[in-house]
N, C-alpha and C. Protein backbone atom coordinates (compact mmCIF):
# COMPACT_ATOMS: atom_id res chain seq x y z
N MET A 1 1.48 0.50 17.13
CA MET A 1 2.61 1.38 16.85
C MET A 1 2.66 3.00 16.98
N ASN A 2 3.49 3.23 17.02
CA ASN A 2 3.63 5.04 17.08
C ASN A 2 3.65 4.95 15.44
N ARG A 3 3.14 6.33 15.49
CA ARG A 3 3.31 7.12 13.94
C ARG A 3 4.34 7.40 13.65
N ARG A 4 5.66 7.56 14.16
CA ARG A 4 6.53 7.66 13.06
C ARG A 4 7.17 6.34 12.39
N ARG A 5 7.11 5.27 12.95
CA ARG A 5 7.39 3.73 12.58
C ARG A 5 6.01 3.90 11.12
N GLN A 6 4.90 3.30 12.07
CA GLN A 6 4.04 3.22 11.14
C GLN A 6 3.89 4.82 9.92
N LYS A 7 4.35 5.66 9.54
CA LYS A 7 4.50 6.60 8.56
C LYS A 7 6.04 5.72 7.67
N LYS A 8 6.59 5.15 8.44
CA LYS A 8 8.23 4.83 8.02
C LYS A 8 7.62 3.43 7.44
N LEU A 9 7.32 2.18 7.38
CA LEU A 9 6.16 1.06 6.84
C LEU A 9 5.61 1.24 6.14
N THR A 10 4.83 2.91 5.77
CA THR A 10 3.83 2.29 5.47
C THR A 10 4.96 3.13 3.58
N HIS A 11 5.55 3.79 3.77
CA HIS A 11 6.38 4.95 3.22
C HIS A 11 6.76 3.04 2.44
N ARG A 12 7.34 2.65 2.43
CA ARG A 12 8.27 1.06 2.22
C ARG A 12 7.50 0.12 1.79
N LEU A 13 6.16 -0.15 2.50
CA LEU A 13 4.97 -1.12 1.68
C LEU A 13 4.25 -0.01 0.49
N VAL A 14 4.34 1.03 0.23
CA VAL A 14 3.99 1.43 -1.16
C VAL A 14 4.85 1.23 -2.41
N TYR A 15 5.93 1.62 -1.55
CA TYR A 15 7.28 0.99 -2.75
C TYR A 15 7.51 -0.58 -2.82
N ALA A 16 6.79 -1.67 -2.05
CA ALA A 16 7.27 -2.84 -2.71
C ALA A 16 6.61 -2.72 -3.02
N ALA A 17 4.75 -2.76 -3.33
CA ALA A 17 3.30 -2.53 -3.90
C ALA A 17 3.91 -2.46 -5.52
N LEU A 18 4.54 -0.79 -5.40
CA LEU A 18 5.29 -0.22 -6.70
C LEU A 18 5.49 -1.64 -7.38
N LEU A 19 7.05 -1.87 -7.31
CA LEU A 19 7.92 -3.31 -7.25
C LEU A 19 7.00 -4.48 -7.15
N GLY A 20 6.05 -4.75 -6.77
CA GLY A 20 5.50 -6.38 -7.12
C GLY A 20 6.05 -7.19 -6.27
N ASP A 21 6.90 -6.50 -5.23
CA ASP A 21 7.88 -6.80 -3.97
C ASP A 21 7.21 -8.53 -3.11
N THR A 22 6.51 -9.40 -3.79
CA THR A 22 5.39 -9.98 -3.04
C THR A 22 6.00 -9.94 -1.65
N GLY A 23 6.75 -10.76 -1.44
CA GLY A 23 7.76 -11.36 0.09
C GLY A 23 7.61 -9.73 0.67
N ALA A 24 8.34 -8.42 0.39
CA ALA A 24 8.49 -8.00 1.53
C ALA A 24 6.75 -7.03 1.68
N VAL A 25 5.98 -7.03 0.54
CA VAL A 25 3.93 -6.69 1.57
C VAL A 25 4.29 -7.45 2.56
N ALA A 26 4.50 -8.85 2.06
CA ALA A 26 3.87 -9.24 3.12
C ALA A 26 4.26 -9.51 4.60
N ALA A 27 5.92 -9.20 4.58
CA ALA A 27 5.82 -8.47 5.52
C ALA A 27 6.11 -7.64 6.55
N LEU A 28 5.91 -6.56 5.18
CA LEU A 28 5.14 -5.56 5.78
C LEU A 28 3.78 -5.90 6.76
N LEU A 29 3.18 -6.28 6.15
CA LEU A 29 1.09 -6.43 6.93
C LEU A 29 1.61 -6.86 7.62
N ARG A 30 2.70 -8.16 8.05
CA ARG A 30 2.93 -9.02 9.68
C ARG A 30 3.27 -7.87 10.53
N THR A 31 3.98 -7.02 10.08
CA THR A 31 4.21 -6.10 11.16
C THR A 31 2.81 -5.53 11.77
N GLY A 32 2.56 -4.91 11.14
CA GLY A 32 1.06 -4.36 11.25
C GLY A 32 0.71 -3.24 10.68
N VAL A 33 1.09 -2.70 9.69
CA VAL A 33 0.72 -1.44 9.28
C VAL A 33 -0.11 -1.71 7.98
N ASP A 34 -1.06 -1.07 8.07
CA ASP A 34 -2.19 -0.06 7.71
C ASP A 34 -1.98 -0.30 6.28
N PRO A 35 -2.79 -1.21 5.66
CA PRO A 35 -2.45 -0.92 4.18
C PRO A 35 -4.00 -0.22 3.70
N ARG A 36 -4.37 0.58 4.49
CA ARG A 36 -5.70 1.81 4.03
C ARG A 36 -4.94 2.96 4.03
N LEU A 37 -3.56 2.95 4.67
CA LEU A 37 -2.76 4.38 4.26
C LEU A 37 -2.51 4.35 3.82
N PRO A 38 -2.22 6.21 2.83
CA PRO A 38 -1.62 6.73 2.13
C PRO A 38 0.59 6.54 2.75
N ASN A 39 0.85 7.05 2.06
CA ASN A 39 2.65 7.68 1.70
C ASN A 39 2.78 8.82 2.04
N ALA A 40 3.60 9.29 2.39
CA ALA A 40 4.01 11.09 2.45
C ALA A 40 2.69 12.00 1.45
N GLU A 41 3.05 11.10 0.17
CA GLU A 41 2.61 11.74 -0.57
C GLU A 41 1.45 11.61 -1.38
N GLY A 42 0.34 10.84 -0.58
CA GLY A 42 -0.69 10.75 -0.37
C GLY A 42 -1.10 9.18 -1.27
N THR A 43 -0.18 8.43 -2.19
CA THR A 43 -0.42 7.00 -2.37
C THR A 43 -0.65 6.19 -1.92
N LEU A 44 -1.52 5.06 -2.04
CA LEU A 44 -1.64 4.52 -1.47
C LEU A 44 -1.43 2.65 -2.26
N PRO A 45 -1.00 1.81 -1.48
CA PRO A 45 -0.25 1.14 -1.26
C PRO A 45 -1.21 -0.23 -2.75
N LEU A 46 -2.32 0.16 -2.49
CA LEU A 46 -2.97 -0.58 -3.74
C LEU A 46 -3.10 0.03 -4.85
N TYR A 47 -3.26 1.02 -4.64
CA TYR A 47 -3.07 2.33 -5.94
C TYR A 47 -2.03 1.46 -6.83
N ALA A 48 -1.02 1.86 -5.79
CA ALA A 48 1.13 1.08 -6.54
C ALA A 48 0.78 -0.02 -6.81
N ALA A 49 0.46 -1.46 -6.82
CA ALA A 49 0.43 -2.46 -7.15
C ALA A 49 -0.66 -2.04 -8.21
N SER A 50 -1.85 -1.72 -8.68
CA SER A 50 -2.61 -1.74 -9.52
C SER A 50 -1.74 -1.49 -11.02
N VAL A 51 -1.73 -0.06 -10.68
CA VAL A 51 -1.43 0.95 -11.78
C VAL A 51 -0.78 0.27 -12.30
N HIS A 52 0.84 -0.59 -11.88
CA HIS A 52 2.02 -0.95 -12.24
C HIS A 52 1.87 -2.06 -12.34
N GLY A 53 1.10 -3.70 -12.30
CA GLY A 53 0.09 -4.23 -12.91
C GLY A 53 0.87 -5.75 -11.90
N GLU A 54 0.83 -5.56 -10.87
CA GLU A 54 1.49 -6.53 -9.60
C GLU A 54 0.02 -7.11 -8.75
N ALA A 55 -0.33 -8.05 -10.05
CA ALA A 55 -1.71 -8.38 -10.02
C ALA A 55 -1.09 -9.44 -7.83
N GLU A 56 -0.62 -10.32 -7.54
CA GLU A 56 -0.60 -10.89 -6.45
C GLU A 56 -0.31 -9.61 -5.42
N ALA A 57 1.10 -8.79 -5.54
CA ALA A 57 0.77 -7.78 -4.47
C ALA A 57 -0.58 -7.18 -4.27
N VAL A 58 -1.95 -6.92 -5.33
CA VAL A 58 -3.11 -6.63 -4.88
C VAL A 58 -3.49 -7.07 -4.82
N ARG A 59 -3.63 -9.16 -4.95
CA ARG A 59 -4.25 -9.82 -4.07
C ARG A 59 -4.21 -9.84 -2.06
N LEU A 60 -2.37 -9.44 -2.24
CA LEU A 60 -2.33 -9.53 -0.44
C LEU A 60 -2.97 -8.43 -0.04
N LEU A 61 -2.75 -6.96 -1.16
CA LEU A 61 -3.01 -5.66 0.08
C LEU A 61 -4.27 -6.00 0.17
N LEU A 62 -5.69 -6.81 -0.90
CA LEU A 62 -7.35 -6.65 -1.27
C LEU A 62 -7.73 -7.69 0.74
N ARG A 63 -6.93 -8.51 0.52
CA ARG A 63 -6.84 -9.99 1.59
C ARG A 63 -6.61 -9.27 3.27
N ALA A 64 -5.42 -7.76 3.01
CA ALA A 64 -5.13 -6.93 3.94
C ALA A 64 -6.04 -6.38 5.09
N GLY A 65 -7.16 -6.36 3.92
CA GLY A 65 -8.22 -5.07 3.68
C GLY A 65 -7.83 -4.05 3.24
N ALA A 66 -6.75 -3.58 2.07
CA ALA A 66 -6.86 -2.43 1.42
C ALA A 66 -8.18 -2.04 0.82
N GLU A 67 -8.69 -0.82 0.56
CA GLU A 67 -9.99 -0.53 0.42
C GLU A 67 -10.23 -0.23 -1.15
N PRO A 68 -10.74 -1.12 -2.18
CA PRO A 68 -10.36 -1.23 -3.57
C PRO A 68 -11.33 0.43 -3.66
N ASP A 69 -12.45 1.17 -3.33
CA ASP A 69 -13.15 2.37 -4.19
C ASP A 69 -11.84 3.45 -2.83
N ALA A 70 -10.82 3.89 -2.37
CA ALA A 70 -9.93 4.45 -2.05
C ALA A 70 -9.69 5.65 -2.51
N GLU A 71 -9.51 7.02 -3.34
CA GLU A 71 -9.02 7.68 -3.59
C GLU A 71 -7.23 7.77 -3.18
N SER A 72 -6.84 7.59 -4.34
CA SER A 72 -4.98 7.67 -3.85
C SER A 72 -4.27 9.47 -4.35
N GLY A 73 -3.58 9.52 -3.34
CA GLY A 73 -2.95 11.16 -4.16
C GLY A 73 -3.95 11.72 -3.92
N HIS A 74 -4.60 12.45 -2.45
CA HIS A 74 -5.15 13.31 -2.16
C HIS A 74 -6.26 13.33 -3.23
N GLY A 75 -6.50 12.43 -3.74
CA GLY A 75 -8.21 12.52 -4.54
C GLY A 75 -7.15 12.43 -6.30
N GLY A 76 -5.97 13.44 -6.41
CA GLY A 76 -5.48 13.45 -7.68
C GLY A 76 -5.19 12.25 -8.59
N GLU A 77 -4.78 11.80 -7.57
CA GLU A 77 -4.08 9.81 -8.99
C GLU A 77 -5.91 9.08 -9.62
N GLY A 78 -6.68 9.19 -8.40
CA GLY A 78 -7.79 8.20 -8.31
C GLY A 78 -8.27 6.99 -7.96
N THR A 79 -8.64 6.41 -8.24
CA THR A 79 -8.66 4.47 -7.29
C THR A 79 -7.93 3.63 -8.54
N PRO A 80 -7.82 2.78 -7.83
CA PRO A 80 -6.94 1.17 -8.11
C PRO A 80 -7.77 0.78 -9.71
């Protein structure tokens, strides 16, 4: 997957995780988007899902390889 597409899909994944849209999260993960990458603002999908209480999205992201100890927001937001 090229870098531009990865960036676009990562943005969508963070937004879907934040909303708890598990269908979109699952679909995006099937495209091959890396759940360990942050969006342009530095927010990780797992962090977005965690702080908004989206437990099913969290489970999907963890199963896909998201790292539970990764710092989000360039270190400014913290860990999930």
